Amino acid sequence: PKGSAAMSLEEVEREHILKVLQYAGWHYGKTCKLLGISRPTLRQKMKKYGISPPGRRL
């Protein structure tokens, strides 16, 4: 089904962002450089996927 492919893509994107954040030590500037996106885009995607730094909630 169409919906499952889109959901899988979102899951892959979420996991990739999370792994890059962890690799960069949760440093947003480094993460943005590695991902090739702006800080506002990173924040938007973190909020969308419910990603927050360890010990913090969005």
PDB file of N, CA and C in Angstrom:
ATOM      1  N   PRO A   1       0.815  -1.207   0.000  1.00  0.00           N
ATOM      2  CA  PRO A   1       0.000   0.000   0.000  1.00  0.00           C
ATOM      3  C   PRO A   1       0.858   1.271   0.000  1.00  0.00           C
ATOM      4  N   LYS A   2       0.292   2.358  -0.533  1.00  0.00           N
ATOM      5  CA  LYS A   2       1.010   3.624  -0.603  1.00  0.00           C
ATOM      6  C   LYS A   2       1.447   4.128   0.767  1.00  0.00           C
ATOM      7  N   GLY A   3       0.563   4.098   1.743  1.00  0.00           N
ATOM      8  CA  GLY A   3       0.842   4.619   3.074  1.00  0.00           C
ATOM      9  C   GLY A   3       2.018   3.949   3.751  1.00  0.00           C
ATOM     10  N   SER A   4       2.188   2.658   3.568  1.00  0.00           N
ATOM     11  CA  SER A   4       3.266   1.949   4.254  1.00  0.00           C
ATOM     12  C   SER A   4       4.638   2.363   3.705  1.00  0.00           C
ATOM     13  N   ALA A   5       4.734   2.648   2.407  1.00  0.00           N
ATOM     14  CA  ALA A   5       6.011   3.083   1.834  1.00  0.00           C
ATOM     15  C   ALA A   5       6.396   4.446   2.389  1.00  0.00           C
ATOM     16  N   ALA A   6       5.437   5.366   2.491  1.00  0.00           N
ATOM     17  CA  ALA A   6       5.713   6.696   3.037  1.00  0.00           C
ATOM     18  C   ALA A   6       6.105   6.586   4.503  1.00  0.00           C
ATOM     19  N   MET A   7       5.452   5.742   5.238  1.00  0.00           N
ATOM     20  CA  MET A   7       5.776   5.564   6.648  1.00  0.00           C
ATOM     21  C   MET A   7       7.177   4.992   6.788  1.00  0.00           C
ATOM     22  N   SER A   8       7.542   4.060   5.968  1.00  0.00           N
ATOM     23  CA  SER A   8       8.878   3.492   6.025  1.00  0.00           C
ATOM     24  C   SER A   8       9.930   4.557   5.743  1.00  0.00           C
ATOM     25  N   LEU A   9       9.675   5.428   4.806  1.00  0.00           N
ATOM     26  CA  LEU A   9      10.608   6.507   4.485  1.00  0.00           C
ATOM     27  C   LEU A   9      10.763   7.434   5.688  1.00  0.00           C
ATOM     28  N   GLU A  10       9.668   7.744   6.355  1.00  0.00           N
ATOM     29  CA  GLU A  10       9.726   8.595   7.547  1.00  0.00           C
ATOM     30  C   GLU A  10      10.514   7.912   8.657  1.00  0.00           C
ATOM     31  N   GLU A  11      10.317   6.633   8.817  1.00  0.00           N
ATOM     32  CA  GLU A  11      11.060   5.890   9.843  1.00  0.00           C
ATOM     33  C   GLU A  11      12.556   5.905   9.546  1.00  0.00           C
ATOM     34  N   VAL A  12      12.909   5.735   8.287  1.00  0.00           N
ATOM     35  CA  VAL A  12      14.321   5.765   7.888  1.00  0.00           C
ATOM     36  C   VAL A  12      14.902   7.153   8.150  1.00  0.00           C
ATOM     37  N   GLU A  13      14.162   8.202   7.787  1.00  0.00           N
ATOM     38  CA  GLU A  13      14.641   9.562   8.010  1.00  0.00           C
ATOM     39  C   GLU A  13      14.827   9.825   9.499  1.00  0.00           C
ATOM     40  N   ARG A  14      13.876   9.412  10.315  1.00  0.00           N
ATOM     41  CA  ARG A  14      13.957   9.617  11.760  1.00  0.00           C
ATOM     42  C   ARG A  14      15.192   8.926  12.341  1.00  0.00           C
ATOM     43  N   GLU A  15      15.392   7.685  11.972  1.00  0.00           N
ATOM     44  CA  GLU A  15      16.541   6.932  12.479  1.00  0.00           C
ATOM     45  C   GLU A  15      17.864   7.553  12.025  1.00  0.00           C
ATOM     46  N   HIS A  16      17.908   8.021  10.788  1.00  0.00           N
ATOM     47  CA  HIS A  16      19.128   8.634  10.266  1.00  0.00           C
ATOM     48  C   HIS A  16      19.453   9.919  11.033  1.00  0.00           C
ATOM     49  N   ILE A  17      18.454  10.757  11.234  1.00  0.00           N
ATOM     50  CA  ILE A  17      18.659  11.998  11.986  1.00  0.00           C
ATOM     51  C   ILE A  17      19.135  11.686  13.395  1.00  0.00           C
ATOM     52  N   LEU A  18      18.509  10.722  14.040  1.00  0.00           N
ATOM     53  CA  LEU A  18      18.887  10.344  15.398  1.00  0.00           C
ATOM     54  C   LEU A  18      20.331   9.846  15.464  1.00  0.00           C
ATOM     55  N   LYS A  19      20.719   9.018  14.513  1.00  0.00           N
ATOM     56  CA  LYS A  19      22.091   8.499  14.495  1.00  0.00           C
ATOM     57  C   LYS A  19      23.112   9.609  14.260  1.00  0.00           C
ATOM     58  N   VAL A  20      22.796  10.557  13.375  1.00  0.00           N
ATOM     59  CA  VAL A  20      23.723  11.656  13.107  1.00  0.00           C
ATOM     60  C   VAL A  20      23.815  12.572  14.332  1.00  0.00           C
ATOM     61  N   LEU A  21      22.701  12.822  14.992  1.00  0.00           N
ATOM     62  CA  LEU A  21      22.724  13.620  16.224  1.00  0.00           C
ATOM     63  C   LEU A  21      23.627  12.959  17.276  1.00  0.00           C
ATOM     64  N   GLN A  22      23.480  11.667  17.441  1.00  0.00           N
ATOM     65  CA  GLN A  22      24.302  10.940  18.412  1.00  0.00           C
ATOM     66  C   GLN A  22      25.775  10.985  18.009  1.00  0.00           C
ATOM     67  N   TYR A  23      26.051  10.803  16.740  1.00  0.00           N
ATOM     68  CA  TYR A  23      27.429  10.841  16.230  1.00  0.00           C
ATOM     69  C   TYR A  23      28.061  12.205  16.495  1.00  0.00           C
ATOM     70  N   ALA A  24      27.265  13.263  16.309  1.00  0.00           N
ATOM     71  CA  ALA A  24      27.756  14.633  16.478  1.00  0.00           C
ATOM     72  C   ALA A  24      27.702  15.086  17.940  1.00  0.00           C
ATOM     73  N   GLY A  25      27.364  14.184  18.834  1.00  0.00           N
ATOM     74  CA  GLY A  25      27.295  14.540  20.250  1.00  0.00           C
ATOM     75  C   GLY A  25      26.173  15.515  20.565  1.00  0.00           C
ATOM     76  N   TRP A  26      25.104  15.444  19.800  1.00  0.00           N
ATOM     77  CA  TRP A  26      23.925  16.306  19.930  1.00  0.00           C
ATOM     78  C   TRP A  26      24.266  17.778  19.675  1.00  0.00           C
ATOM     79  N   HIS A  27      25.337  18.030  18.943  1.00  0.00           N
ATOM     80  CA  HIS A  27      25.709  19.388  18.548  1.00  0.00           C
ATOM     81  C   HIS A  27      24.948  19.703  17.266  1.00  0.00           C
ATOM     82  N   TYR A  28      23.999  20.628  17.358  1.00  0.00           N
ATOM     83  CA  TYR A  28      23.112  20.907  16.226  1.00  0.00           C
ATOM     84  C   TYR A  28      23.849  21.448  15.013  1.00  0.00           C
ATOM     85  N   GLY A  29      24.842  22.294  15.233  1.00  0.00           N
ATOM     86  CA  GLY A  29      25.594  22.851  14.113  1.00  0.00           C
ATOM     87  C   GLY A  29      26.285  21.767  13.304  1.00  0.00           C
ATOM     88  N   LYS A  30      26.961  20.849  14.000  1.00  0.00           N
ATOM     89  CA  LYS A  30      27.640  19.736  13.316  1.00  0.00           C
ATOM     90  C   LYS A  30      26.631  18.835  12.625  1.00  0.00           C
ATOM     91  N   THR A  31      25.528  18.577  13.305  1.00  0.00           N
ATOM     92  CA  THR A  31      24.491  17.711  12.733  1.00  0.00           C
ATOM     93  C   THR A  31      23.942  18.311  11.445  1.00  0.00           C
ATOM     94  N   CYS A  32      23.670  19.602  11.459  1.00  0.00           N
ATOM     95  CA  CYS A  32      23.141  20.272  10.265  1.00  0.00           C
ATOM     96  C   CYS A  32      24.125  20.192   9.108  1.00  0.00           C
ATOM     97  N   LYS A  33      25.405  20.392   9.411  1.00  0.00           N
ATOM     98  CA  LYS A  33      26.428  20.298   8.365  1.00  0.00           C
ATOM     99  C   LYS A  33      26.463  18.902   7.770  1.00  0.00           C
ATOM    100  N   LEU A  34      26.454  17.899   8.620  1.00  0.00           N
ATOM    101  CA  LEU A  34      26.514  16.514   8.148  1.00  0.00           C
ATOM    102  C   LEU A  34      25.285  16.131   7.330  1.00  0.00           C
ATOM    103  N   LEU A  35      24.126  16.637   7.737  1.00  0.00           N
ATOM    104  CA  LEU A  35      22.886  16.306   7.032  1.00  0.00           C
ATOM    105  C   LEU A  35      22.627  17.222   5.835  1.00  0.00           C
ATOM    106  N   GLY A  36      23.305  18.378   5.807  1.00  0.00           N
ATOM    107  CA  GLY A  36      23.083  19.324   4.719  1.00  0.00           C
ATOM    108  C   GLY A  36      21.752  20.041   4.820  1.00  0.00           C
ATOM    109  N   ILE A  37      21.321  20.316   6.069  1.00  0.00           N
ATOM    110  CA  ILE A  37      20.062  21.027   6.291  1.00  0.00           C
ATOM    111  C   ILE A  37      20.307  22.196   7.249  1.00  0.00           C
ATOM    112  N   SER A  38      19.354  23.114   7.305  1.00  0.00           N
ATOM    113  CA  SER A  38      19.463  24.269   8.196  1.00  0.00           C
ATOM    114  C   SER A  38      19.003  23.900   9.607  1.00  0.00           C
ATOM    115  N   ARG A  39      19.345  24.762  10.565  1.00  0.00           N
ATOM    116  CA  ARG A  39      18.908  24.521  11.954  1.00  0.00           C
ATOM    117  C   ARG A  39      17.379  24.511  12.079  1.00  0.00           C
ATOM    118  N   PRO A  40      16.688  25.485  11.455  1.00  0.00           N
ATOM    119  CA  PRO A  40      15.221  25.430  11.558  1.00  0.00           C
ATOM    120  C   PRO A  40      14.641  24.120  10.995  1.00  0.00           C
ATOM    121  N   THR A  41      15.226  23.622   9.917  1.00  0.00           N
ATOM    122  CA  THR A  41      14.753  22.360   9.343  1.00  0.00           C
ATOM    123  C   THR A  41      15.035  21.211  10.301  1.00  0.00           C
ATOM    124  N   LEU A  42      16.221  21.206  10.916  1.00  0.00           N
ATOM    125  CA  LEU A  42      16.541  20.165  11.888  1.00  0.00           C
ATOM    126  C   LEU A  42      15.552  20.202  13.047  1.00  0.00           C
ATOM    127  N   ARG A  43      15.300  21.389  13.590  1.00  0.00           N
ATOM    128  CA  ARG A  43      14.354  21.514  14.710  1.00  0.00           C
ATOM    129  C   ARG A  43      12.961  21.044  14.309  1.00  0.00           C
ATOM    130  N   GLN A  44      12.546  21.401  13.095  1.00  0.00           N
ATOM    131  CA  GLN A  44      11.229  20.993  12.609  1.00  0.00           C
ATOM    132  C   GLN A  44      11.128  19.471  12.531  1.00  0.00           C
ATOM    133  N   LYS A  45      12.165  18.840  11.992  1.00  0.00           N
ATOM    134  CA  LYS A  45      12.149  17.387  11.856  1.00  0.00           C
ATOM    135  C   LYS A  45      12.244  16.697  13.215  1.00  0.00           C
ATOM    136  N   MET A  46      13.015  17.273  14.139  1.00  0.00           N
ATOM    137  CA  MET A  46      13.106  16.702  15.479  1.00  0.00           C
ATOM    138  C   MET A  46      11.738  16.743  16.158  1.00  0.00           C
ATOM    139  N   LYS A  47      11.039  17.857  16.004  1.00  0.00           N
ATOM    140  CA  LYS A  47       9.703  17.976  16.591  1.00  0.00           C
ATOM    141  C   LYS A  47       8.740  16.998  15.927  1.00  0.00           C
ATOM    142  N   LYS A  48       8.801  16.921  14.599  1.00  0.00           N
ATOM    143  CA  LYS A  48       7.920  16.027  13.842  1.00  0.00           C
ATOM    144  C   LYS A  48       8.087  14.575  14.275  1.00  0.00           C
ATOM    145  N   TYR A  49       9.343  14.168  14.499  1.00  0.00           N
ATOM    146  CA  TYR A  49       9.628  12.776  14.826  1.00  0.00           C
ATOM    147  C   TYR A  49       9.757  12.511  16.322  1.00  0.00           C
ATOM    148  N   GLY A  50       9.525  13.536  17.146  1.00  0.00           N
ATOM    149  CA  GLY A  50       9.584  13.350  18.587  1.00  0.00           C
ATOM    150  C   GLY A  50      10.984  13.038  19.099  1.00  0.00           C
ATOM    151  N   ILE A  51      11.979  13.650  18.473  1.00  0.00           N
ATOM    152  CA  ILE A  51      13.372  13.443  18.881  1.00  0.00           C
ATOM    153  C   ILE A  51      13.770  14.569  19.817  1.00  0.00           C
ATOM    154  N   SER A  52      14.295  14.207  20.983  1.00  0.00           N
ATOM    155  CA  SER A  52      14.803  15.212  21.909  1.00  0.00           C
ATOM    156  C   SER A  52      16.103  14.713  22.522  1.00  0.00           C
ATOM    157  N   PRO A  53      16.958  15.650  22.931  1.00  0.00           N
ATOM    158  CA  PRO A  53      18.234  15.247  23.529  1.00  0.00           C
ATOM    159  C   PRO A  53      18.006  14.392  24.772  1.00  0.00           C
ATOM    160  N   PRO A  54      18.953  13.535  25.096  1.00  0.00           N
ATOM    161  CA  PRO A  54      18.804  12.693  26.288  1.00  0.00           C
ATOM    162  C   PRO A  54      18.543  13.552  27.522  1.00  0.00           C
ATOM    163  N   GLY A  55      17.563  13.164  28.291  1.00  0.00           N
ATOM    164  CA  GLY A  55      17.233  13.891  29.510  1.00  0.00           C
ATOM    165  C   GLY A  55      16.349  15.103  29.306  1.00  0.00           C
ATOM    166  N   ARG A  56      15.940  15.368  28.060  1.00  0.00           N
ATOM    167  CA  ARG A  56      15.078  16.520  27.772  1.00  0.00           C
ATOM    168  C   ARG A  56      13.873  16.086  26.977  1.00  0.00           C
ATOM    169  N   ARG A  57      12.806  16.826  27.134  1.00  0.00           N
ATOM    170  CA  ARG A  57      11.591  16.575  26.361  1.00  0.00           C
ATOM    171  C   ARG A  57      11.329  17.744  25.440  1.00  0.00           C
ATOM    172  N   LEU A  58      10.686  17.462  24.310  1.00  0.00           N
ATOM    173  CA  LEU A  58      10.293  18.556  23.401  1.00  0.00           C
ATOM    174  C   LEU A  58       8.979  19.138  23.853  1.00  0.00           C
TER     175      LEU A  58
END
